[in-house]
PDB file of N, CA and C in Angstrom:
ATOM      1  N   MET A   1      22.885   6.709 -44.243  1.00  0.00           N
ATOM      2  CA  MET A   1      23.451   6.190 -43.011  1.00  0.00           C
ATOM      3  C   MET A   1      23.612   7.298 -41.972  1.00  0.00           C
ATOM      4  N   GLU A   2      23.750   8.514 -42.433  1.00  0.00           N
ATOM      5  CA  GLU A   2      23.891   9.637 -41.501  1.00  0.00           C
ATOM      6  C   GLU A   2      22.594   9.875 -40.728  1.00  0.00           C
ATOM      7  N   TYR A   3      21.473   9.472 -41.332  1.00  0.00           N
ATOM      8  CA  TYR A   3      20.183   9.672 -40.675  1.00  0.00           C
ATOM      9  C   TYR A   3      20.081   8.828 -39.403  1.00  0.00           C
ATOM     10  N   ILE A   4      20.616   7.622 -39.432  1.00  0.00           N
ATOM     11  CA  ILE A   4      20.536   6.730 -38.271  1.00  0.00           C
ATOM     12  C   ILE A   4      21.432   7.223 -37.143  1.00  0.00           C
ATOM     13  N   THR A   5      22.555   7.804 -37.451  1.00  0.00           N
ATOM     14  CA  THR A   5      23.487   8.267 -36.412  1.00  0.00           C
ATOM     15  C   THR A   5      23.179   9.679 -35.940  1.00  0.00           C
ATOM     16  N   ASN A   6      22.112  10.271 -36.437  1.00  0.00           N
ATOM     17  CA  ASN A   6      21.715  11.611 -36.008  1.00  0.00           C
ATOM     18  C   ASN A   6      21.322  11.550 -34.529  1.00  0.00           C
ATOM     19  N   PRO A   7      21.830  12.464 -33.689  1.00  0.00           N
ATOM     20  CA  PRO A   7      21.515  12.418 -32.249  1.00  0.00           C
ATOM     21  C   PRO A   7      20.014  12.520 -31.951  1.00  0.00           C
ATOM     22  N   TRP A   8      19.259  13.255 -32.775  1.00  0.00           N
ATOM     23  CA  TRP A   8      17.826  13.374 -32.550  1.00  0.00           C
ATOM     24  C   TRP A   8      17.117  12.037 -32.787  1.00  0.00           C
ATOM     25  N   VAL A   9      17.565  11.320 -33.764  1.00  0.00           N
ATOM     26  CA  VAL A   9      16.948  10.021 -34.059  1.00  0.00           C
ATOM     27  C   VAL A   9      17.286   9.024 -32.949  1.00  0.00           C
ATOM     28  N   ILE A  10      18.520   9.025 -32.519  1.00  0.00           N
ATOM     29  CA  ILE A  10      18.928   8.135 -31.433  1.00  0.00           C
ATOM     30  C   ILE A  10      18.150   8.465 -30.163  1.00  0.00           C
ATOM     31  N   SER A  11      18.016   9.744 -29.859  1.00  0.00           N
ATOM     32  CA  SER A  11      17.260  10.162 -28.672  1.00  0.00           C
ATOM     33  C   SER A  11      15.796   9.727 -28.775  1.00  0.00           C
ATOM     34  N   LEU A  12      15.208   9.874 -29.967  1.00  0.00           N
ATOM     35  CA  LEU A  12      13.822   9.484 -30.174  1.00  0.00           C
ATOM     36  C   LEU A  12      13.658   7.964 -29.990  1.00  0.00           C
ATOM     37  N   ILE A  13      14.583   7.190 -30.500  1.00  0.00           N
ATOM     38  CA  ILE A  13      14.520   5.735 -30.347  1.00  0.00           C
ATOM     39  C   ILE A  13      14.611   5.350 -28.871  1.00  0.00           C
ATOM     40  N   ILE A  14      15.493   5.991 -28.127  1.00  0.00           N
ATOM     41  CA  ILE A  14      15.647   5.697 -26.692  1.00  0.00           C
ATOM     42  C   ILE A  14      14.376   6.058 -25.931  1.00  0.00           C
ATOM     43  N   VAL A  15      13.782   7.204 -26.235  1.00  0.00           N
ATOM     44  CA  VAL A  15      12.554   7.628 -25.549  1.00  0.00           C
ATOM     45  C   VAL A  15      11.409   6.663 -25.861  1.00  0.00           C
ATOM     46  N   VAL A  16      11.274   6.265 -27.120  1.00  0.00           N
ATOM     47  CA  VAL A  16      10.215   5.320 -27.496  1.00  0.00           C
ATOM     48  C   VAL A  16      10.433   3.981 -26.794  1.00  0.00           C
ATOM     49  N   PHE A  17      11.672   3.534 -26.704  1.00  0.00           N
ATOM     50  CA  PHE A  17      11.992   2.279 -26.030  1.00  0.00           C
ATOM     51  C   PHE A  17      11.607   2.342 -24.554  1.00  0.00           C
ATOM     52  N   ILE A  18      11.950   3.423 -23.879  1.00  0.00           N
ATOM     53  CA  ILE A  18      11.635   3.573 -22.454  1.00  0.00           C
ATOM     54  C   ILE A  18      10.122   3.650 -22.243  1.00  0.00           C
ATOM     55  N   ILE A  19       9.420   4.407 -23.061  1.00  0.00           N
ATOM     56  CA  ILE A  19       7.969   4.527 -22.913  1.00  0.00           C
ATOM     57  C   ILE A  19       7.298   3.181 -23.175  1.00  0.00           C
ATOM     58  N   GLY A  20       7.781   2.451 -24.161  1.00  0.00           N
ATOM     59  CA  GLY A  20       7.217   1.124 -24.439  1.00  0.00           C
ATOM     60  C   GLY A  20       7.413   0.173 -23.277  1.00  0.00           C
ATOM     61  N   ASN A  21       8.599   0.194 -22.676  1.00  0.00           N
ATOM     62  CA  ASN A  21       8.853  -0.676 -21.523  1.00  0.00           C
ATOM     63  C   ASN A  21       7.978  -0.296 -20.326  1.00  0.00           C
ATOM     64  N   LEU A  22       7.818   0.993 -20.093  1.00  0.00           N
ATOM     65  CA  LEU A  22       6.960   1.425 -18.983  1.00  0.00           C
ATOM     66  C   LEU A  22       5.507   1.019 -19.212  1.00  0.00           C
ATOM     67  N   ALA A  23       5.046   1.145 -20.443  1.00  0.00           N
ATOM     68  CA  ALA A  23       3.664   0.762 -20.745  1.00  0.00           C
ATOM     69  C   ALA A  23       3.466  -0.743 -20.561  1.00  0.00           C
ATOM     70  N   SER A  24       4.435  -1.533 -20.992  1.00  0.00           N
ATOM     71  CA  SER A  24       4.297  -2.984 -20.839  1.00  0.00           C
ATOM     72  C   SER A  24       4.368  -3.389 -19.365  1.00  0.00           C
ATOM     73  N   MET A  25       5.214  -2.729 -18.596  1.00  0.00           N
ATOM     74  CA  MET A  25       5.296  -3.031 -17.167  1.00  0.00           C
ATOM     75  C   MET A  25       3.993  -2.668 -16.464  1.00  0.00           C
ATOM     76  N   LYS A  26       3.405  -1.556 -16.856  1.00  0.00           N
ATOM     77  CA  LYS A  26       2.140  -1.148 -16.262  1.00  0.00           C
ATOM     78  C   LYS A  26       1.044  -2.161 -16.594  1.00  0.00           C
ATOM     79  N   HIS A  27       1.009  -2.610 -17.822  1.00  0.00           N
ATOM     80  CA  HIS A  27      -0.009  -3.583 -18.242  1.00  0.00           C
ATOM     81  C   HIS A  27       0.195  -4.925 -17.538  1.00  0.00           C
ATOM     82  N   LEU A  28       1.415  -5.414 -17.493  1.00  0.00           N
ATOM     83  CA  LEU A  28       1.675  -6.704 -16.857  1.00  0.00           C
ATOM     84  C   LEU A  28       1.467  -6.639 -15.350  1.00  0.00           C
ATOM     85  N   GLY A  29       1.799  -5.518 -14.739  1.00  0.00           N
ATOM     86  CA  GLY A  29       1.597  -5.371 -13.300  1.00  0.00           C
ATOM     87  C   GLY A  29       0.131  -5.435 -12.926  1.00  0.00           C
ATOM     88  N   GLN A  30      -0.725  -4.852 -13.732  1.00  0.00           N
ATOM     89  CA  GLN A  30      -2.158  -4.875 -13.443  1.00  0.00           C
ATOM     90  C   GLN A  30      -2.730  -6.258 -13.649  1.00  0.00           C
ATOM     91  N   THR A  31      -2.265  -6.986 -14.640  1.00  0.00           N
ATOM     92  CA  THR A  31      -2.811  -8.320 -14.870  1.00  0.00           C
ATOM     93  C   THR A  31      -2.397  -9.270 -13.756  1.00  0.00           C
ATOM     94  N   HIS A  32      -1.179  -9.143 -13.237  1.00  0.00           N
ATOM     95  CA  HIS A  32      -0.741 -10.014 -12.150  1.00  0.00           C
ATOM     96  C   HIS A  32      -1.492  -9.695 -10.862  1.00  0.00           C
ATOM     97  N   LEU A  33      -1.781  -8.437 -10.616  1.00  0.00           N
ATOM     98  CA  LEU A  33      -2.526  -8.078  -9.415  1.00  0.00           C
ATOM     99  C   LEU A  33      -3.975  -8.531  -9.515  1.00  0.00           C
ATOM    100  N   ALA A  34      -4.532  -8.482 -10.694  1.00  0.00           N
ATOM    101  CA  ALA A  34      -5.924  -8.884 -10.867  1.00  0.00           C
ATOM    102  C   ALA A  34      -6.073 -10.391 -10.690  1.00  0.00           C
ATOM    103  N   ARG A  35      -5.069 -11.161 -11.068  1.00  0.00           N
ATOM    104  CA  ARG A  35      -5.133 -12.612 -10.959  1.00  0.00           C
ATOM    105  C   ARG A  35      -4.900 -13.098  -9.544  1.00  0.00           C
ATOM    106  N   LYS A  36      -4.218 -12.339  -8.739  1.00  0.00           N
ATOM    107  CA  LYS A  36      -3.858 -12.794  -7.399  1.00  0.00           C
ATOM    108  C   LYS A  36      -5.086 -12.782  -6.496  1.00  0.00           C
ATOM    109  N   ASN A  37      -5.350 -13.905  -5.856  1.00  0.00           N
ATOM    110  CA  ASN A  37      -6.489 -14.051  -4.963  1.00  0.00           C
ATOM    111  C   ASN A  37      -6.025 -13.790  -3.536  1.00  0.00           C
ATOM    112  N   PRO A  38      -6.536 -12.744  -2.885  1.00  0.00           N
ATOM    113  CA  PRO A  38      -6.069 -12.437  -1.529  1.00  0.00           C
ATOM    114  C   PRO A  38      -6.505 -13.471  -0.494  1.00  0.00           C
ATOM    115  N   ASN A  39      -7.545 -14.255  -0.777  1.00  0.00           N
ATOM    116  CA  ASN A  39      -8.029 -15.256   0.177  1.00  0.00           C
ATOM    117  C   ASN A  39      -7.304 -16.584   0.048  1.00  0.00           C
ATOM    118  N   LYS A  40      -6.511 -16.746  -0.990  1.00  0.00           N
ATOM    119  CA  LYS A  40      -5.807 -18.002  -1.215  1.00  0.00           C
ATOM    120  C   LYS A  40      -4.646 -18.122  -0.238  1.00  0.00           C
ATOM    121  N   LYS A  41      -4.555 -19.279   0.421  1.00  0.00           N
ATOM    122  CA  LYS A  41      -3.489 -19.493   1.390  1.00  0.00           C
ATOM    123  C   LYS A  41      -2.220 -19.955   0.675  1.00  0.00           C
ATOM    124  N   THR A  42      -1.101 -19.522   1.195  1.00  0.00           N
ATOM    125  CA  THR A  42       0.165 -19.986   0.656  1.00  0.00           C
ATOM    126  C   THR A  42       0.461 -21.374   1.217  1.00  0.00           C
ATOM    127  N   GLU A  43       1.465 -22.005   0.678  1.00  0.00           N
ATOM    128  CA  GLU A  43       1.845 -23.346   1.136  1.00  0.00           C
ATOM    129  C   GLU A  43       2.225 -23.323   2.623  1.00  0.00           C
ATOM    130  N   LEU A  44       2.942 -22.288   3.036  1.00  0.00           N
ATOM    131  CA  LEU A  44       3.357 -22.177   4.422  1.00  0.00           C
ATOM    132  C   LEU A  44       2.157 -22.047   5.347  1.00  0.00           C
ATOM    133  N   GLU A  45       1.185 -21.227   4.970  1.00  0.00           N
ATOM    134  CA  GLU A  45      -0.002 -21.062   5.799  1.00  0.00           C
ATOM    135  C   GLU A  45      -0.800 -22.362   5.893  1.00  0.00           C
ATOM    136  N   LYS A  46      -0.844 -23.135   4.793  1.00  0.00           N
ATOM    137  CA  LYS A  46      -1.530 -24.421   4.819  1.00  0.00           C
ATOM    138  C   LYS A  46      -0.837 -25.382   5.778  1.00  0.00           C
ATOM    139  N   LEU A  47       0.507 -25.422   5.741  1.00  0.00           N
ATOM    140  CA  LEU A  47       1.251 -26.301   6.634  1.00  0.00           C
ATOM    141  C   LEU A  47       1.073 -25.904   8.094  1.00  0.00           C
ATOM    142  N   ILE A  48       1.063 -24.610   8.362  1.00  0.00           N
ATOM    143  CA  ILE A  48       0.871 -24.138   9.736  1.00  0.00           C
ATOM    144  C   ILE A  48      -0.501 -24.564  10.247  1.00  0.00           C
ATOM    145  N   ALA A  49      -1.524 -24.447   9.404  1.00  0.00           N
ATOM    146  CA  ALA A  49      -2.868 -24.855   9.813  1.00  0.00           C
ATOM    147  C   ALA A  49      -2.928 -26.352  10.083  1.00  0.00           C
ATOM    148  N   ILE A  50      -2.256 -27.147   9.257  1.00  0.00           N
ATOM    149  CA  ILE A  50      -2.244 -28.600   9.455  1.00  0.00           C
ATOM    150  C   ILE A  50      -1.572 -28.949  10.775  1.00  0.00           C
ATOM    151  N   TYR A  51      -0.431 -28.321  11.061  1.00  0.00           N
ATOM    152  CA  TYR A  51       0.279 -28.620  12.310  1.00  0.00           C
ATOM    153  C   TYR A  51      -0.503 -28.156  13.531  1.00  0.00           C
ATOM    154  N   LYS A  52      -1.214 -27.036  13.424  1.00  0.00           N
ATOM    155  CA  LYS A  52      -2.032 -26.588  14.547  1.00  0.00           C
ATOM    156  C   LYS A  52      -3.161 -27.582  14.828  1.00  0.00           C
ATOM    157  N   GLU A  53      -3.796 -28.079  13.763  1.00  0.00           N
ATOM    158  CA  GLU A  53      -4.849 -29.076  13.950  1.00  0.00           C
ATOM    159  C   GLU A  53      -4.289 -30.358  14.558  1.00  0.00           C
ATOM    160  N   LYS A  54      -3.122 -30.764  14.094  1.00  0.00           N
ATOM    161  CA  LYS A  54      -2.497 -31.978  14.611  1.00  0.00           C
ATOM    162  C   LYS A  54      -2.136 -31.813  16.087  1.00  0.00           C
ATOM    163  N   ASP A  55      -1.580 -30.667  16.464  1.00  0.00           N
ATOM    164  CA  ASP A  55      -1.248 -30.410  17.869  1.00  0.00           C
ATOM    165  C   ASP A  55      -2.504 -30.380  18.734  1.00  0.00           C
ATOM    166  N   ALA A  56      -3.574 -29.790  18.216  1.00  0.00           N
ATOM    167  CA  ALA A  56      -4.815 -29.736  18.985  1.00  0.00           C
ATOM    168  C   ALA A  56      -5.369 -31.133  19.214  1.00  0.00           C
ATOM    169  N   GLN A  57      -5.287 -32.001  18.201  1.00  0.00           N
ATOM    170  CA  GLN A  57      -5.758 -33.374  18.355  1.00  0.00           C
ATOM    171  C   GLN A  57      -4.889 -34.137  19.349  1.00  0.00           C
ATOM    172  N   GLU A  58      -3.586 -33.934  19.318  1.00  0.00           N
ATOM    173  CA  GLU A  58      -2.689 -34.606  20.266  1.00  0.00           C
ATOM    174  C   GLU A  58      -2.952 -34.148  21.695  1.00  0.00           C
ATOM    175  N   GLN A  59      -3.227 -32.874  21.883  1.00  0.00           N
ATOM    176  CA  GLN A  59      -3.523 -32.374  23.221  1.00  0.00           C
ATOM    177  C   GLN A  59      -4.837 -32.952  23.735  1.00  0.00           C
ATOM    178  N   LYS A  60      -5.824 -33.105  22.866  1.00  0.00           N
ATOM    179  CA  LYS A  60      -7.104 -33.683  23.282  1.00  0.00           C
ATOM    180  C   LYS A  60      -6.917 -35.132  23.702  1.00  0.00           C
ATOM    181  N   THR A  61      -6.141 -35.881  22.938  1.00  0.00           N
ATOM    182  CA  THR A  61      -5.941 -37.293  23.271  1.00  0.00           C
ATOM    183  C   THR A  61      -5.091 -37.442  24.524  1.00  0.00           C
ATOM    184  N   SER A  62      -4.128 -36.560  24.744  1.00  0.00           N
ATOM    185  CA  SER A  62      -3.277 -36.679  25.930  1.00  0.00           C
ATOM    186  C   SER A  62      -4.032 -36.249  27.194  1.00  0.00           C
ATOM    187  N   THR A  63      -4.954 -35.307  27.084  1.00  0.00           N
ATOM    188  CA  THR A  63      -5.725 -34.895  28.260  1.00  0.00           C
ATOM    189  C   THR A  63      -6.857 -35.873  28.551  1.00  0.00           C
ATOM    190  N   SER A  64      -7.355 -36.550  27.551  1.00  0.00           N
ATOM    191  CA  SER A  64      -8.442 -37.507  27.791  1.00  0.00           C
ATOM    192  C   SER A  64      -7.928 -38.822  28.358  1.00  0.00           C
ATOM    193  N   GLN A  65      -6.638 -39.120  28.198  1.00  0.00           N
ATOM    194  CA  GLN A  65      -6.045 -40.346  28.714  1.00  0.00           C
ATOM    195  C   GLN A  65      -4.823 -40.011  29.566  1.00  0.00           C
ATOM    196  N   PRO A  66      -5.031 -39.524  30.798  1.00  0.00           N
ATOM    197  CA  PRO A  66      -3.890 -39.107  31.609  1.00  0.00           C
ATOM    198  C   PRO A  66      -3.060 -40.269  32.140  1.00  0.00           C
ATOM    199  N   ASN A  67      -3.606 -41.495  32.241  1.00  0.00           N
ATOM    200  CA  ASN A  67      -2.869 -42.631  32.787  1.00  0.00           C
ATOM    201  C   ASN A  67      -1.886 -43.229  31.790  1.00  0.00           C
ATOM    202  N   LYS A  68      -2.054 -42.919  30.540  1.00  0.00           N
ATOM    203  CA  LYS A  68      -1.196 -43.485  29.514  1.00  0.00           C
ATOM    204  C   LYS A  68       0.146 -42.748  29.504  1.00  0.00           C
ATOM    205  N   GLU A  69       1.250 -43.508  29.590  1.00  0.00           N
ATOM    206  CA  GLU A  69       2.574 -42.897  29.577  1.00  0.00           C
ATOM    207  C   GLU A  69       3.011 -42.589  28.174  1.00  0.00           C
ATOM    208  N   ASN A  70       3.762 -41.523  28.030  1.00  0.00           N
ATOM    209  CA  ASN A  70       4.336 -41.166  26.764  1.00  0.00           C
ATOM    210  C   ASN A  70       5.603 -41.993  26.572  1.00  0.00           C
ATOM    211  N   PRO A  71       5.726 -42.811  25.528  1.00  0.00           N
ATOM    212  CA  PRO A  71       6.896 -43.674  25.367  1.00  0.00           C
ATOM    213  C   PRO A  71       8.197 -42.903  25.192  1.00  0.00           C
ATOM    214  N   SER A  72       8.131 -41.675  24.765  1.00  0.00           N
ATOM    215  CA  SER A  72       9.356 -40.910  24.575  1.00  0.00           C
ATOM    216  C   SER A  72       9.895 -40.378  25.906  1.00  0.00           C
ATOM    217  N   GLN A  73       9.099 -40.430  26.985  1.00  0.00           N
ATOM    218  CA  GLN A  73       9.523 -39.917  28.277  1.00  0.00           C
ATOM    219  C   GLN A  73       9.612 -41.054  29.292  1.00  0.00           C
ATOM    220  N   LYS A  74      10.382 -42.061  29.007  1.00  0.00           N
ATOM    221  CA  LYS A  74      10.554 -43.201  29.922  1.00  0.00           C
ATOM    222  C   LYS A  74      11.472 -42.793  31.069  1.00  0.00           C
ATOM    223  N   SER A  75      11.095 -43.232  32.226  1.00  0.00           N
ATOM    224  CA  SER A  75      11.920 -42.921  33.389  1.00  0.00           C
ATOM    225  C   SER A  75      12.714 -44.175  33.793  1.00  0.00           C
ATOM    226  N   ASP A  76      13.882 -43.976  34.350  1.00  0.00           N
ATOM    227  CA  ASP A  76      14.732 -45.073  34.789  1.00  0.00           C
ATOM    228  C   ASP A  76      14.565 -45.257  36.288  1.00  0.00           C
ATOM    229  N   ASP A  77      13.577 -46.037  36.736  1.00  0.00           N
ATOM    230  CA  ASP A  77      13.351 -46.279  38.163  1.00  0.00           C
ATOM    231  C   ASP A  77      13.909 -47.589  38.588  1.00  0.00           C
TER     232      ASP A  77
END
């Protein structure tokens, strides 16, 4: 039992534990970077593109039909 409580053994166990964790972090970090596709759009970027297309279509329809009133902008005459 004295062998386990020896400071050299405890120090060796701590060093091996730290080196093992660093090695696993290095391995996992590389696999996550390799899997990530830089051309893939995030959900937010997809939504922004959809809204830009929708706004562009609305502007085209509003400029092509200038006589049509917007129902949300009713005037009280």
